[in-house]
Amino acid sequence: MDVKAKVKILVQQVVEAYIKEQLKINKNQSIAILLGYQSPNPSEILKAITPLLVHYDVTILLTKEWLPVPEQIGGTTYLRLEDTSQVDLMEIVEKTSLLVVPAASYRLLSKLALTMDDEAGVWLAIQYQLLGKPIVIANNYVEPNVYQQIHAPYSVQERLQSYIRQIRTDQVNWIPLSKLNQNIADQLQAFEAKKSLILEKHIEHAQRDGLTEISLPQKSQVTPAAKDLAREYNIQIKQSSKGG
């Protein structure tokens, strides 16, 4: 075997080892996928989320319109949104680091922008926001295309754009389906590096809520004033071994 062949084999082995290691790391990261809104092209949605099922620990929440999907994603945990209580949904929010919405709607866009939690999908997304966890929404079929921009009344376009501006201000990632995988990886990395800052007002709120303990990610920072107030109120501040 010549030198070039040996080098090629070694490079291939290094690449394969790296990929396996990355898969192992990603599999420890839990994400949720919400299939709660219809799409004119379900096969495109399924194709986009399939790599996520390989790379991450995924929980899928779906409505009855998406029930054929589980037959095509064997082995992935899924729950029917209509049959899942808010208590169970909150457990999913707490155990996962990110919410993916690969098929959106104007209803989701407007209600999320206005913080109207009168339906399960929007309520779920708001819970992720309240915990500071990333949300990634694919904007295909919702972002006005060039023909809609040409023909639709200006008032309609401006209303849609105002909703889009609002959710992006609220740190929702509004992206094309084609950028889903890379954006999720970037958001998870940023979330892992995120540091929460605990202030006096947070301790005061905990005391009003009757809490005697606050559990925080390891990387959280607690101000000296907050620590003093926690001691005064006999509130324990515990930091877990996990970052994020």
C-alpha atoms as a PDB file:
ATOM      1  CA  MET A   1       0.000   0.000   0.000  1.00  0.00           C
ATOM      2  CA  ASP A   2       1.480   3.358  -1.012  1.00  0.00           C
ATOM      3  CA  VAL A   3       1.708   6.451   1.197  1.00  0.00           C
ATOM      4  CA  LYS A   4      -1.264   8.235  -0.432  1.00  0.00           C
ATOM      5  CA  ALA A   5      -3.536   5.253   0.193  1.00  0.00           C
ATOM      6  CA  LYS A   6      -2.426   5.038   3.833  1.00  0.00           C
ATOM      7  CA  VAL A   7      -3.023   8.776   4.341  1.00  0.00           C
ATOM      8  CA  LYS A   8      -6.465   8.486   2.758  1.00  0.00           C
ATOM      9  CA  ILE A   9      -7.408   5.647   5.109  1.00  0.00           C
ATOM     10  CA  LEU A  10      -6.112   7.530   8.151  1.00  0.00           C
ATOM     11  CA  VAL A  11      -8.050  10.680   7.205  1.00  0.00           C
ATOM     12  CA  GLN A  12     -11.196   8.620   6.687  1.00  0.00           C
ATOM     13  CA  GLN A  13     -10.764   6.984  10.104  1.00  0.00           C
ATOM     14  CA  VAL A  14     -10.285  10.371  11.786  1.00  0.00           C
ATOM     15  CA  VAL A  15     -13.385  11.790  10.090  1.00  0.00           C
ATOM     16  CA  GLU A  16     -15.490   8.762  11.025  1.00  0.00           C
ATOM     17  CA  ALA A  17     -14.292   8.944  14.642  1.00  0.00           C
ATOM     18  CA  TYR A  18     -15.136  12.646  14.769  1.00  0.00           C
ATOM     19  CA  ILE A  19     -18.633  12.079  13.363  1.00  0.00           C
ATOM     20  CA  LYS A  20     -19.302   9.294  15.860  1.00  0.00           C
ATOM     21  CA  GLU A  21     -18.141  11.517  18.710  1.00  0.00           C
ATOM     22  CA  GLN A  22     -20.368  14.373  17.544  1.00  0.00           C
ATOM     23  CA  LEU A  23     -23.346  12.044  17.283  1.00  0.00           C
ATOM     24  CA  LYS A  24     -22.649  10.850  20.811  1.00  0.00           C
ATOM     25  CA  ILE A  25     -22.507  14.434  22.093  1.00  0.00           C
ATOM     26  CA  ASN A  26     -25.665  15.509  20.250  1.00  0.00           C
ATOM     27  CA  LYS A  27     -27.612  12.466  21.430  1.00  0.00           C
ATOM     28  CA  ASN A  28     -27.234  13.837  24.952  1.00  0.00           C
ATOM     29  CA  GLN A  29     -29.056  16.989  23.862  1.00  0.00           C
ATOM     30  CA  SER A  30     -32.834  16.798  24.055  1.00  0.00           C
ATOM     31  CA  ILE A  31     -35.067  18.806  21.738  1.00  0.00           C
ATOM     32  CA  ALA A  32     -38.791  18.890  21.008  1.00  0.00           C
ATOM     33  CA  ILE A  33     -40.376  19.089  17.569  1.00  0.00           C
ATOM     34  CA  LEU A  34     -43.876  20.546  17.274  1.00  0.00           C
ATOM     35  CA  LEU A  35     -45.913  19.286  14.341  1.00  0.00           C
ATOM     36  CA  GLY A  36     -49.015  21.261  15.212  1.00  0.00           C
ATOM     37  CA  TYR A  37     -49.684  23.156  11.991  1.00  0.00           C
ATOM     38  CA  GLN A  38     -50.494  21.844   8.542  1.00  0.00           C
ATOM     39  CA  SER A  39     -48.150  22.210   5.586  1.00  0.00           C
ATOM     40  CA  PRO A  40     -48.832  22.101   1.831  1.00  0.00           C
ATOM     41  CA  ASN A  41     -45.760  19.879   1.548  1.00  0.00           C
ATOM     42  CA  PRO A  42     -45.577  17.390   4.481  1.00  0.00           C
ATOM     43  CA  SER A  43     -42.909  15.286   2.764  1.00  0.00           C
ATOM     44  CA  GLU A  44     -40.581  18.295   2.733  1.00  0.00           C
ATOM     45  CA  ILE A  45     -41.124  18.745   6.463  1.00  0.00           C
ATOM     46  CA  LEU A  46     -40.438  15.077   7.151  1.00  0.00           C
ATOM     47  CA  LYS A  47     -37.258  15.201   5.061  1.00  0.00           C
ATOM     48  CA  ALA A  48     -36.047  18.238   7.023  1.00  0.00           C
ATOM     49  CA  ILE A  49     -36.600  16.734  10.467  1.00  0.00           C
ATOM     50  CA  THR A  50     -35.270  13.248   9.702  1.00  0.00           C
ATOM     51  CA  PRO A  51     -31.591  14.205  10.355  1.00  0.00           C
ATOM     52  CA  LEU A  52     -32.639  15.647  13.718  1.00  0.00           C
ATOM     53  CA  LEU A  53     -33.994  12.257  14.761  1.00  0.00           C
ATOM     54  CA  VAL A  54     -30.535  10.791  14.145  1.00  0.00           C
ATOM     55  CA  HIS A  55     -28.508  13.508  15.840  1.00  0.00           C
ATOM     56  CA  TYR A  56     -30.598  14.415  18.903  1.00  0.00           C
ATOM     57  CA  ASP A  57     -32.772  12.938  21.617  1.00  0.00           C
ATOM     58  CA  VAL A  58     -36.106  14.011  20.114  1.00  0.00           C
ATOM     59  CA  THR A  59     -39.645  14.203  21.461  1.00  0.00           C
ATOM     60  CA  ILE A  60     -42.289  14.908  18.822  1.00  0.00           C
ATOM     61  CA  LEU A  61     -45.565  16.595  19.705  1.00  0.00           C
ATOM     62  CA  LEU A  62     -48.105  16.300  16.920  1.00  0.00           C
ATOM     63  CA  THR A  63     -51.755  16.896  16.103  1.00  0.00           C
ATOM     64  CA  LYS A  64     -54.045  14.340  14.490  1.00  0.00           C
ATOM     65  CA  GLU A  65     -53.303  15.715  11.001  1.00  0.00           C
ATOM     66  CA  TRP A  66     -49.710  14.512  11.397  1.00  0.00           C
ATOM     67  CA  LEU A  67     -50.532  11.033  12.729  1.00  0.00           C
ATOM     68  CA  PRO A  68     -49.153   9.240   9.634  1.00  0.00           C
ATOM     69  CA  VAL A  69     -45.707  10.600  10.559  1.00  0.00           C
ATOM     70  CA  PRO A  70     -44.931   8.161  13.427  1.00  0.00           C
ATOM     71  CA  GLU A  71     -45.112   5.261  10.983  1.00  0.00           C
ATOM     72  CA  GLN A  72     -42.227   6.862   9.082  1.00  0.00           C
ATOM     73  CA  ILE A  73     -40.068   7.741  12.088  1.00  0.00           C
ATOM     74  CA  GLY A  74     -40.028   4.448  13.974  1.00  0.00           C
ATOM     75  CA  GLY A  75     -38.378   4.546  17.398  1.00  0.00           C
ATOM     76  CA  THR A  76     -38.872   8.267  18.080  1.00  0.00           C
ATOM     77  CA  THR A  77     -40.938   9.314  21.099  1.00  0.00           C
ATOM     78  CA  TYR A  78     -44.117  11.121  20.108  1.00  0.00           C
ATOM     79  CA  LEU A  79     -47.240  12.422  21.859  1.00  0.00           C
ATOM     80  CA  ARG A  80     -50.547  13.671  20.527  1.00  0.00           C
ATOM     81  CA  LEU A  81     -50.844  17.334  21.454  1.00  0.00           C
ATOM     82  CA  GLU A  82     -54.610  17.081  21.971  1.00  0.00           C
ATOM     83  CA  ASP A  83     -54.220  14.232  24.470  1.00  0.00           C
ATOM     84  CA  THR A  84     -51.331  15.682  26.484  1.00  0.00           C
ATOM     85  CA  SER A  85     -52.017  17.726  29.628  1.00  0.00           C
ATOM     86  CA  GLN A  86     -50.271  21.000  30.394  1.00  0.00           C
ATOM     87  CA  VAL A  87     -48.513  19.269  33.285  1.00  0.00           C
ATOM     88  CA  ASP A  88     -47.025  16.691  30.911  1.00  0.00           C
ATOM     89  CA  LEU A  89     -46.199  19.356  28.320  1.00  0.00           C
ATOM     90  CA  MET A  90     -44.389  21.344  31.010  1.00  0.00           C
ATOM     91  CA  GLU A  91     -42.272  18.289  31.834  1.00  0.00           C
ATOM     92  CA  ILE A  92     -41.231  18.159  28.183  1.00  0.00           C
ATOM     93  CA  VAL A  93     -40.375  21.869  28.220  1.00  0.00           C
ATOM     94  CA  GLU A  94     -38.202  21.382  31.294  1.00  0.00           C
ATOM     95  CA  LYS A  95     -36.326  18.327  30.012  1.00  0.00           C
ATOM     96  CA  THR A  96     -35.613  19.663  26.507  1.00  0.00           C
ATOM     97  CA  SER A  97     -33.297  22.505  25.523  1.00  0.00           C
ATOM     98  CA  LEU A  98     -34.958  23.738  22.335  1.00  0.00           C
ATOM     99  CA  LEU A  99     -38.280  23.764  20.466  1.00  0.00           C
ATOM    100  CA  VAL A 100     -38.428  23.243  16.694  1.00  0.00           C
ATOM    101  CA  VAL A 101     -41.501  24.195  14.645  1.00  0.00           C
ATOM    102  CA  PRO A 102     -40.777  22.977  11.089  1.00  0.00           C
ATOM    103  CA  ALA A 103     -44.272  23.847   9.796  1.00  0.00           C
ATOM    104  CA  ALA A 104     -45.730  27.181  10.910  1.00  0.00           C
ATOM    105  CA  SER A 105     -48.903  29.136  10.194  1.00  0.00           C
ATOM    106  CA  TYR A 106     -50.165  32.705  10.224  1.00  0.00           C
ATOM    107  CA  ARG A 107     -52.154  31.769  13.325  1.00  0.00           C
ATOM    108  CA  LEU A 108     -49.014  30.717  15.179  1.00  0.00           C
ATOM    109  CA  LEU A 109     -47.142  33.797  13.994  1.00  0.00           C
ATOM    110  CA  SER A 110     -49.785  36.288  15.113  1.00  0.00           C
ATOM    111  CA  LYS A 111     -50.601  34.637  18.437  1.00  0.00           C
ATOM    112  CA  LEU A 112     -46.956  34.185  19.398  1.00  0.00           C
ATOM    113  CA  ALA A 113     -46.248  37.826  18.538  1.00  0.00           C
ATOM    114  CA  LEU A 114     -49.167  38.898  20.743  1.00  0.00           C
ATOM    115  CA  THR A 115     -48.455  36.311  23.507  1.00  0.00           C
ATOM    116  CA  MET A 116     -51.909  34.773  23.131  1.00  0.00           C
ATOM    117  CA  ASP A 117     -51.704  31.304  24.672  1.00  0.00           C
ATOM    118  CA  ASP A 118     -55.248  30.151  23.868  1.00  0.00           C
ATOM    119  CA  GLU A 119     -54.084  27.059  21.963  1.00  0.00           C
ATOM    120  CA  ALA A 120     -51.688  24.296  22.955  1.00  0.00           C
ATOM    121  CA  GLY A 121     -48.991  24.976  20.355  1.00  0.00           C
ATOM    122  CA  VAL A 122     -48.653  28.655  21.242  1.00  0.00           C
ATOM    123  CA  TRP A 123     -48.844  27.930  24.969  1.00  0.00           C
ATOM    124  CA  LEU A 124     -45.990  25.465  24.536  1.00  0.00           C
ATOM    125  CA  ALA A 125     -43.818  27.964  22.654  1.00  0.00           C
ATOM    126  CA  ILE A 126     -44.407  30.657  25.275  1.00  0.00           C
ATOM    127  CA  GLN A 127     -43.251  28.283  28.024  1.00  0.00           C
ATOM    128  CA  TYR A 128     -39.933  27.846  26.205  1.00  0.00           C
ATOM    129  CA  GLN A 129     -39.623  31.623  25.952  1.00  0.00           C
ATOM    130  CA  LEU A 130     -40.337  32.083  29.654  1.00  0.00           C
ATOM    131  CA  LEU A 131     -37.515  29.664  30.494  1.00  0.00           C
ATOM    132  CA  GLY A 132     -35.123  31.399  28.090  1.00  0.00           C
ATOM    133  CA  LYS A 133     -34.885  28.357  25.822  1.00  0.00           C
ATOM    134  CA  PRO A 134     -34.407  28.731  22.045  1.00  0.00           C
ATOM    135  CA  ILE A 135     -37.261  28.373  19.556  1.00  0.00           C
ATOM    136  CA  VAL A 136     -36.561  27.678  15.884  1.00  0.00           C
ATOM    137  CA  ILE A 137     -39.431  28.189  13.424  1.00  0.00           C
ATOM    138  CA  ALA A 138     -39.220  27.422   9.707  1.00  0.00           C
ATOM    139  CA  ASN A 139     -40.809  30.273   7.768  1.00  0.00           C
ATOM    140  CA  ASN A 140     -41.562  28.403   4.520  1.00  0.00           C
ATOM    141  CA  TYR A 141     -45.089  29.122   3.256  1.00  0.00           C
ATOM    142  CA  VAL A 142     -45.562  31.845   5.892  1.00  0.00           C
ATOM    143  CA  GLU A 143     -42.956  34.450   4.925  1.00  0.00           C
ATOM    144  CA  PRO A 144     -44.556  36.346   1.976  1.00  0.00           C
ATOM    145  CA  ASN A 145     -43.009  35.300  -1.346  1.00  0.00           C
ATOM    146  CA  VAL A 146     -42.204  37.677  -4.193  1.00  0.00           C
ATOM    147  CA  TYR A 147     -45.645  37.383  -5.850  1.00  0.00           C
ATOM    148  CA  GLN A 148     -47.427  37.984  -2.571  1.00  0.00           C
ATOM    149  CA  GLN A 149     -45.203  40.998  -1.979  1.00  0.00           C
ATOM    150  CA  ILE A 150     -46.190  42.349  -5.398  1.00  0.00           C
ATOM    151  CA  HIS A 151     -49.951  41.761  -5.145  1.00  0.00           C
ATOM    152  CA  ALA A 152     -50.953  41.728  -1.469  1.00  0.00           C
ATOM    153  CA  PRO A 153     -52.245  44.991   0.059  1.00  0.00           C
ATOM    154  CA  TYR A 154     -49.542  46.956   1.826  1.00  0.00           C
ATOM    155  CA  SER A 155     -51.512  46.841   5.095  1.00  0.00           C
ATOM    156  CA  VAL A 156     -51.538  43.027   5.081  1.00  0.00           C
ATOM    157  CA  GLN A 157     -47.825  42.829   4.335  1.00  0.00           C
ATOM    158  CA  GLU A 158     -47.002  45.368   7.017  1.00  0.00           C
ATOM    159  CA  ARG A 159     -49.102  43.532   9.596  1.00  0.00           C
ATOM    160  CA  LEU A 160     -47.307  40.259   8.839  1.00  0.00           C
ATOM    161  CA  GLN A 161     -43.909  41.938   8.954  1.00  0.00           C
ATOM    162  CA  SER A 162     -44.763  43.549  12.293  1.00  0.00           C
ATOM    163  CA  TYR A 163     -45.519  40.101  13.732  1.00  0.00           C
ATOM    164  CA  ILE A 164     -42.272  38.738  12.304  1.00  0.00           C
ATOM    165  CA  ARG A 165     -40.295  41.648  13.745  1.00  0.00           C
ATOM    166  CA  GLN A 166     -41.879  41.066  17.139  1.00  0.00           C
ATOM    167  CA  ILE A 167     -41.093  37.355  17.424  1.00  0.00           C
ATOM    168  CA  ARG A 168     -37.542  37.978  16.232  1.00  0.00           C
ATOM    169  CA  THR A 169     -37.223  40.678  18.881  1.00  0.00           C
ATOM    170  CA  ASP A 170     -38.385  38.004  21.306  1.00  0.00           C
ATOM    171  CA  GLN A 171     -35.403  35.913  20.091  1.00  0.00           C
ATOM    172  CA  VAL A 172     -37.399  33.397  18.061  1.00  0.00           C
ATOM    173  CA  ASN A 173     -35.260  32.095  15.183  1.00  0.00           C
ATOM    174  CA  TRP A 174     -37.324  32.641  12.015  1.00  0.00           C
ATOM    175  CA  ILE A 175     -35.459  30.808   9.258  1.00  0.00           C
ATOM    176  CA  PRO A 176     -35.907  28.855   6.006  1.00  0.00           C
ATOM    177  CA  LEU A 177     -36.392  25.101   6.356  1.00  0.00           C
ATOM    178  CA  SER A 178     -33.132  24.535   4.478  1.00  0.00           C
ATOM    179  CA  LYS A 179     -31.175  26.142   7.348  1.00  0.00           C
ATOM    180  CA  LEU A 180     -32.921  24.187  10.096  1.00  0.00           C
ATOM    181  CA  ASN A 181     -30.151  21.742  11.015  1.00  0.00           C
ATOM    182  CA  GLN A 182     -27.309  24.239  11.208  1.00  0.00           C
ATOM    183  CA  ASN A 183     -29.367  26.821  13.083  1.00  0.00           C
ATOM    184  CA  ILE A 184     -30.403  24.277  15.698  1.00  0.00           C
ATOM    185  CA  ALA A 185     -26.770  23.291  16.262  1.00  0.00           C
ATOM    186  CA  ASP A 186     -25.811  26.959  16.650  1.00  0.00           C
ATOM    187  CA  GLN A 187     -28.687  27.696  19.032  1.00  0.00           C
ATOM    188  CA  LEU A 188     -27.912  24.711  21.237  1.00  0.00           C
ATOM    189  CA  GLN A 189     -24.274  25.721  21.427  1.00  0.00           C
ATOM    190  CA  ALA A 190     -25.236  29.271  22.399  1.00  0.00           C
ATOM    191  CA  PHE A 191     -27.735  27.982  24.959  1.00  0.00           C
ATOM    192  CA  GLU A 192     -25.122  25.740  26.566  1.00  0.00           C
ATOM    193  CA  ALA A 193     -22.805  28.747  26.924  1.00  0.00           C
ATOM    194  CA  LYS A 194     -25.539  31.048  28.223  1.00  0.00           C
ATOM    195  CA  LYS A 195     -25.142  32.437  31.738  1.00  0.00           C
ATOM    196  CA  SER A 196     -28.146  33.518  33.779  1.00  0.00           C
ATOM    197  CA  LEU A 197     -27.769  36.481  36.142  1.00  0.00           C
ATOM    198  CA  ILE A 198     -29.669  36.236  39.436  1.00  0.00           C
ATOM    199  CA  LEU A 199     -30.623  39.579  40.969  1.00  0.00           C
ATOM    200  CA  GLU A 200     -32.309  40.733  44.193  1.00  0.00           C
ATOM    201  CA  LYS A 201     -35.663  41.034  42.397  1.00  0.00           C
ATOM    202  CA  HIS A 202     -35.544  37.331  41.537  1.00  0.00           C
ATOM    203  CA  ILE A 203     -35.030  36.399  45.211  1.00  0.00           C
ATOM    204  CA  GLU A 204     -37.866  38.727  46.208  1.00  0.00           C
ATOM    205  CA  HIS A 205     -40.132  37.056  43.672  1.00  0.00           C
ATOM    206  CA  ALA A 206     -39.136  33.619  44.965  1.00  0.00           C
ATOM    207  CA  GLN A 207     -39.957  34.718  48.514  1.00  0.00           C
ATOM    208  CA  ARG A 208     -43.390  35.996  47.411  1.00  0.00           C
ATOM    209  CA  ASP A 209     -44.014  32.636  45.708  1.00  0.00           C
ATOM    210  CA  GLY A 210     -43.175  30.825  48.948  1.00  0.00           C
ATOM    211  CA  LEU A 211     -40.083  29.088  47.557  1.00  0.00           C
ATOM    212  CA  THR A 212     -37.403  27.828  49.921  1.00  0.00           C
ATOM    213  CA  GLU A 213     -35.047  26.677  47.152  1.00  0.00           C
ATOM    214  CA  ILE A 214     -34.061  27.858  43.665  1.00  0.00           C
ATOM    215  CA  SER A 215     -32.363  25.427  41.259  1.00  0.00           C
ATOM    216  CA  LEU A 216     -30.085  27.037  38.693  1.00  0.00           C
ATOM    217  CA  PRO A 217     -27.732  25.906  35.910  1.00  0.00           C
ATOM    218  CA  GLN A 218     -24.097  25.644  36.976  1.00  0.00           C
ATOM    219  CA  LYS A 219     -23.005  28.629  34.897  1.00  0.00           C
ATOM    220  CA  SER A 220     -25.495  30.995  36.532  1.00  0.00           C
ATOM    221  CA  GLN A 221     -24.102  34.053  38.267  1.00  0.00           C
ATOM    222  CA  VAL A 222     -25.622  35.310  41.515  1.00  0.00           C
ATOM    223  CA  THR A 223     -24.993  38.890  42.582  1.00  0.00           C
ATOM    224  CA  PRO A 224     -23.706  39.453  46.156  1.00  0.00           C
ATOM    225  CA  ALA A 225     -26.897  41.374  47.004  1.00  0.00           C
ATOM    226  CA  ALA A 226     -29.011  38.454  45.796  1.00  0.00           C
ATOM    227  CA  LYS A 227     -26.966  36.025  47.903  1.00  0.00           C
ATOM    228  CA  ASP A 228     -27.416  38.216  50.999  1.00  0.00           C
ATOM    229  CA  LEU A 229     -31.167  38.472  50.446  1.00  0.00           C
ATOM    230  CA  ALA A 230     -31.432  34.708  49.897  1.00  0.00           C
ATOM    231  CA  ARG A 231     -29.743  34.131  53.261  1.00  0.00           C
ATOM    232  CA  GLU A 232     -32.090  36.621  54.895  1.00  0.00           C
ATOM    233  CA  TYR A 233     -35.140  34.830  53.457  1.00  0.00           C
ATOM    234  CA  ASN A 234     -33.647  31.348  54.108  1.00  0.00           C
ATOM    235  CA  ILE A 235     -33.814  30.520  50.405  1.00  0.00           C
ATOM    236  CA  GLN A 236     -31.241  27.989  49.215  1.00  0.00           C
ATOM    237  CA  ILE A 237     -29.620  28.575  45.844  1.00  0.00           C
ATOM    238  CA  LYS A 238     -28.583  25.275  44.254  1.00  0.00           C
ATOM    239  CA  GLN A 239     -26.600  25.024  41.057  1.00  0.00           C
ATOM    240  CA  SER A 240     -26.823  21.815  39.052  1.00  0.00           C
ATOM    241  CA  SER A 241     -23.908  20.049  37.364  1.00  0.00           C
ATOM    242  CA  LYS A 242     -25.407  20.825  33.935  1.00  0.00           C
ATOM    243  CA  GLY A 243     -24.743  24.024  32.051  1.00  0.00           C
ATOM    244  CA  GLY A 244     -27.282  26.012  30.055  1.00  0.00           C
END
